[in-house]
């Protein structure tokens, strides 16, 4: 395209270059703002159509928070046989020795029943869980953090 036929050459000495009165087509006013302005107001339908809305809190969780993982007696009763096969629990006579801290559990909860005598090492234990384990003939060893 030749330089003399370009629109900018035809608009020479025109103050507004075809955009109405002065100041129009300069700032973000005619466009509804610049960048992400209005994405939760007048540009909300565009956001719904073309991208996921990032509304609310975002970011990372602090590393200092420790996730408390718990296990119920009923779940422990189900997996004791598998733990013995995998070598993560030891069977000595009738008693089974399980270290829940090595398995990644911090607390033993008392939901359900336990059928066999189990010696459990854990950091925290609820009172009901301790009573149920002792009534089945086992014991709970509470470790220090």
C-alpha atoms as a PDB file:
ATOM      1  CA  UNK A   1       0.000   0.000   0.000  1.00  0.00           C
ATOM      2  CA  UNK A   2       1.364   3.364  -0.905  1.00  0.00           C
ATOM      3  CA  UNK A   3       2.109   5.833   1.846  1.00  0.00           C
ATOM      4  CA  UNK A   4      -0.002   8.610   0.309  1.00  0.00           C
ATOM      5  CA  UNK A   5      -3.155   6.452   0.285  1.00  0.00           C
ATOM      6  CA  UNK A   6      -3.049   5.561   3.977  1.00  0.00           C
ATOM      7  CA  UNK A   7      -5.802   6.786   6.308  1.00  0.00           C
ATOM      8  CA  UNK A   8      -3.342   8.647   8.506  1.00  0.00           C
ATOM      9  CA  UNK A   9      -2.264  10.767   5.533  1.00  0.00           C
ATOM     10  CA  UNK A  10      -5.876  11.608   4.727  1.00  0.00           C
ATOM     11  CA  UNK A  11      -6.521  12.602   8.327  1.00  0.00           C
ATOM     12  CA  UNK A  12      -3.633  15.138   8.412  1.00  0.00           C
ATOM     13  CA  UNK A  13      -4.663  18.462   9.950  1.00  0.00           C
ATOM     14  CA  UNK A  14      -7.839  16.826  11.281  1.00  0.00           C
ATOM     15  CA  UNK A  15      -7.883  17.377  15.007  1.00  0.00           C
ATOM     16  CA  UNK A  16      -9.826  14.264  16.002  1.00  0.00           C
ATOM     17  CA  UNK A  17      -9.099  11.853  13.120  1.00  0.00           C
ATOM     18  CA  UNK A  18     -12.729  10.822  12.814  1.00  0.00           C
ATOM     19  CA  UNK A  19     -13.428  10.184  16.504  1.00  0.00           C
ATOM     20  CA  UNK A  20     -15.866  12.985  17.193  1.00  0.00           C
ATOM     21  CA  UNK A  21     -15.182  15.879  19.531  1.00  0.00           C
ATOM     22  CA  UNK A  22     -11.888  16.433  21.285  1.00  0.00           C
ATOM     23  CA  UNK A  23     -10.572  13.880  23.744  1.00  0.00           C
ATOM     24  CA  UNK A  24     -12.537  10.950  22.424  1.00  0.00           C
ATOM     25  CA  UNK A  25     -10.582   7.752  21.627  1.00  0.00           C
ATOM     26  CA  UNK A  26      -7.736   8.907  23.861  1.00  0.00           C
ATOM     27  CA  UNK A  27      -8.149   7.444  27.343  1.00  0.00           C
ATOM     28  CA  UNK A  28     -10.022   4.338  28.459  1.00  0.00           C
ATOM     29  CA  UNK A  29     -13.356   6.138  28.663  1.00  0.00           C
ATOM     30  CA  UNK A  30     -15.020   4.952  25.482  1.00  0.00           C
ATOM     31  CA  UNK A  31     -13.740   1.412  26.043  1.00  0.00           C
ATOM     32  CA  UNK A  32     -15.260   0.982  29.506  1.00  0.00           C
ATOM     33  CA  UNK A  33     -11.884   1.260  31.211  1.00  0.00           C
ATOM     34  CA  UNK A  34      -8.477  -0.201  30.596  1.00  0.00           C
ATOM     35  CA  UNK A  35      -7.294  -3.710  31.323  1.00  0.00           C
ATOM     36  CA  UNK A  36      -9.517  -5.679  33.698  1.00  0.00           C
ATOM     37  CA  UNK A  37     -11.595  -2.699  34.754  1.00  0.00           C
ATOM     38  CA  UNK A  38     -15.261  -3.615  35.133  1.00  0.00           C
ATOM     39  CA  UNK A  39     -14.764  -7.356  34.980  1.00  0.00           C
ATOM     40  CA  UNK A  40     -17.275  -7.858  37.806  1.00  0.00           C
ATOM     41  CA  UNK A  41     -19.572  -5.054  36.641  1.00  0.00           C
ATOM     42  CA  UNK A  42     -20.189  -4.147  33.007  1.00  0.00           C
ATOM     43  CA  UNK A  43     -17.776  -6.726  31.535  1.00  0.00           C
ATOM     44  CA  UNK A  44     -19.122  -9.623  33.605  1.00  0.00           C
ATOM     45  CA  UNK A  45     -20.695 -11.406  30.628  1.00  0.00           C
ATOM     46  CA  UNK A  46     -17.353 -11.362  28.827  1.00  0.00           C
ATOM     47  CA  UNK A  47     -15.691 -12.972  31.845  1.00  0.00           C
ATOM     48  CA  UNK A  48     -18.383 -15.667  31.979  1.00  0.00           C
ATOM     49  CA  UNK A  49     -17.962 -16.429  28.316  1.00  0.00           C
ATOM     50  CA  UNK A  50     -14.210 -16.344  27.919  1.00  0.00           C
ATOM     51  CA  UNK A  51     -12.525 -16.984  31.240  1.00  0.00           C
ATOM     52  CA  UNK A  52     -13.178 -18.301  34.697  1.00  0.00           C
ATOM     53  CA  UNK A  53     -13.969 -15.631  37.257  1.00  0.00           C
ATOM     54  CA  UNK A  54     -11.241 -15.172  39.855  1.00  0.00           C
ATOM     55  CA  UNK A  55     -13.401 -13.820  42.596  1.00  0.00           C
ATOM     56  CA  UNK A  56     -12.527 -14.282  46.250  1.00  0.00           C
ATOM     57  CA  UNK A  57      -9.354 -15.261  48.054  1.00  0.00           C
ATOM     58  CA  UNK A  58      -6.470 -16.860  46.206  1.00  0.00           C
ATOM     59  CA  UNK A  59      -2.896 -17.699  47.030  1.00  0.00           C
ATOM     60  CA  UNK A  60      -0.969 -20.251  48.999  1.00  0.00           C
ATOM     61  CA  UNK A  61      -1.465 -21.771  52.414  1.00  0.00           C
ATOM     62  CA  UNK A  62       1.299 -21.143  54.932  1.00  0.00           C
ATOM     63  CA  UNK A  63       3.731 -24.029  55.332  1.00  0.00           C
ATOM     64  CA  UNK A  64       3.554 -23.773  59.126  1.00  0.00           C
ATOM     65  CA  UNK A  65       0.043 -25.207  59.212  1.00  0.00           C
ATOM     66  CA  UNK A  66       0.079 -28.925  59.978  1.00  0.00           C
ATOM     67  CA  UNK A  67      -2.754 -30.945  58.539  1.00  0.00           C
ATOM     68  CA  UNK A  68      -4.229 -33.101  61.280  1.00  0.00           C
ATOM     69  CA  UNK A  69      -4.954 -36.503  59.908  1.00  0.00           C
ATOM     70  CA  UNK A  70      -7.202 -38.757  61.943  1.00  0.00           C
ATOM     71  CA  UNK A  71      -8.317 -42.377  61.798  1.00  0.00           C
ATOM     72  CA  UNK A  72     -11.312 -44.069  63.389  1.00  0.00           C
ATOM     73  CA  UNK A  73     -11.215 -47.389  65.214  1.00  0.00           C
ATOM     74  CA  UNK A  74     -13.473 -48.977  62.602  1.00  0.00           C
ATOM     75  CA  UNK A  75     -11.048 -48.008  59.813  1.00  0.00           C
ATOM     76  CA  UNK A  76      -8.073 -49.225  61.833  1.00  0.00           C
ATOM     77  CA  UNK A  77      -9.827 -52.554  62.447  1.00  0.00           C
ATOM     78  CA  UNK A  78     -10.341 -52.976  58.695  1.00  0.00           C
ATOM     79  CA  UNK A  79      -6.764 -52.241  57.671  1.00  0.00           C
ATOM     80  CA  UNK A  80      -4.867 -54.146  60.401  1.00  0.00           C
ATOM     81  CA  UNK A  81      -4.684 -57.310  58.308  1.00  0.00           C
ATOM     82  CA  UNK A  82      -3.329 -55.355  55.335  1.00  0.00           C
ATOM     83  CA  UNK A  83      -0.781 -53.600  57.545  1.00  0.00           C
ATOM     84  CA  UNK A  84       0.535 -56.956  58.772  1.00  0.00           C
ATOM     85  CA  UNK A  85       0.897 -58.206  55.186  1.00  0.00           C
ATOM     86  CA  UNK A  86       2.724 -55.011  54.144  1.00  0.00           C
ATOM     87  CA  UNK A  87       5.039 -55.191  57.158  1.00  0.00           C
ATOM     88  CA  UNK A  88       3.827 -51.933  58.671  1.00  0.00           C
ATOM     89  CA  UNK A  89       2.399 -53.676  61.740  1.00  0.00           C
ATOM     90  CA  UNK A  90       3.710 -56.582  63.784  1.00  0.00           C
ATOM     91  CA  UNK A  91       1.694 -59.478  65.162  1.00  0.00           C
ATOM     92  CA  UNK A  92       2.982 -60.870  68.447  1.00  0.00           C
ATOM     93  CA  UNK A  93       0.774 -63.673  69.696  1.00  0.00           C
ATOM     94  CA  UNK A  94      -2.740 -62.295  69.831  1.00  0.00           C
ATOM     95  CA  UNK A  95      -1.676 -58.637  69.983  1.00  0.00           C
ATOM     96  CA  UNK A  96      -0.986 -56.449  66.983  1.00  0.00           C
ATOM     97  CA  UNK A  97       1.463 -53.540  67.299  1.00  0.00           C
ATOM     98  CA  UNK A  98       0.735 -50.521  65.113  1.00  0.00           C
ATOM     99  CA  UNK A  99       2.600 -47.197  65.020  1.00  0.00           C
ATOM    100  CA  UNK A 100       0.122 -44.690  63.580  1.00  0.00           C
ATOM    101  CA  UNK A 101       2.680 -41.874  63.434  1.00  0.00           C
ATOM    102  CA  UNK A 102       4.713 -43.855  60.890  1.00  0.00           C
ATOM    103  CA  UNK A 103       1.549 -44.246  58.822  1.00  0.00           C
ATOM    104  CA  UNK A 104       0.949 -40.473  58.909  1.00  0.00           C
ATOM    105  CA  UNK A 105      -1.879 -40.276  61.441  1.00  0.00           C
ATOM    106  CA  UNK A 106      -1.868 -37.794  64.323  1.00  0.00           C
ATOM    107  CA  UNK A 107      -5.027 -38.760  66.200  1.00  0.00           C
ATOM    108  CA  UNK A 108      -7.084 -41.868  66.923  1.00  0.00           C
ATOM    109  CA  UNK A 109     -10.846 -41.357  67.119  1.00  0.00           C
ATOM    110  CA  UNK A 110     -13.359 -43.661  68.761  1.00  0.00           C
ATOM    111  CA  UNK A 111     -15.957 -44.199  66.050  1.00  0.00           C
ATOM    112  CA  UNK A 112     -16.778 -47.860  65.519  1.00  0.00           C
ATOM    113  CA  UNK A 113     -15.514 -50.995  67.256  1.00  0.00           C
ATOM    114  CA  UNK A 114     -12.257 -52.865  67.330  1.00  0.00           C
ATOM    115  CA  UNK A 115     -12.377 -56.665  67.384  1.00  0.00           C
ATOM    116  CA  UNK A 116      -8.782 -57.656  68.209  1.00  0.00           C
ATOM    117  CA  UNK A 117      -6.354 -56.524  70.922  1.00  0.00           C
ATOM    118  CA  UNK A 118      -4.095 -53.868  69.421  1.00  0.00           C
ATOM    119  CA  UNK A 119      -1.180 -51.919  70.872  1.00  0.00           C
ATOM    120  CA  UNK A 120      -1.285 -48.493  69.234  1.00  0.00           C
ATOM    121  CA  UNK A 121       1.347 -45.742  69.262  1.00  0.00           C
ATOM    122  CA  UNK A 122      -0.126 -42.347  68.423  1.00  0.00           C
ATOM    123  CA  UNK A 123       0.357 -38.651  69.273  1.00  0.00           C
ATOM    124  CA  UNK A 124      -3.278 -37.936  70.296  1.00  0.00           C
ATOM    125  CA  UNK A 125      -6.192 -40.175  71.203  1.00  0.00           C
ATOM    126  CA  UNK A 126      -9.773 -39.511  72.192  1.00  0.00           C
ATOM    127  CA  UNK A 127     -11.048 -40.857  75.510  1.00  0.00           C
ATOM    128  CA  UNK A 128     -13.673 -43.057  73.866  1.00  0.00           C
ATOM    129  CA  UNK A 129     -11.087 -44.624  71.565  1.00  0.00           C
ATOM    130  CA  UNK A 130      -8.779 -45.374  74.471  1.00  0.00           C
ATOM    131  CA  UNK A 131     -11.589 -47.027  76.455  1.00  0.00           C
ATOM    132  CA  UNK A 132     -12.651 -49.179  73.494  1.00  0.00           C
ATOM    133  CA  UNK A 133      -9.101 -50.330  72.790  1.00  0.00           C
ATOM    134  CA  UNK A 134      -8.507 -51.220  76.439  1.00  0.00           C
ATOM    135  CA  UNK A 135     -11.835 -53.064  76.678  1.00  0.00           C
ATOM    136  CA  UNK A 136     -10.779 -55.182  73.676  1.00  0.00           C
ATOM    137  CA  UNK A 137      -7.574 -56.133  75.492  1.00  0.00           C
ATOM    138  CA  UNK A 138      -5.204 -53.686  73.832  1.00  0.00           C
ATOM    139  CA  UNK A 139      -3.374 -50.538  74.910  1.00  0.00           C
ATOM    140  CA  UNK A 140      -2.737 -47.011  73.641  1.00  0.00           C
ATOM    141  CA  UNK A 141       0.705 -45.435  73.963  1.00  0.00           C
ATOM    142  CA  UNK A 142       0.507 -41.640  73.605  1.00  0.00           C
ATOM    143  CA  UNK A 143       3.703 -40.173  72.203  1.00  0.00           C
ATOM    144  CA  UNK A 144       5.053 -36.672  72.779  1.00  0.00           C
ATOM    145  CA  UNK A 145       5.285 -34.309  69.831  1.00  0.00           C
END
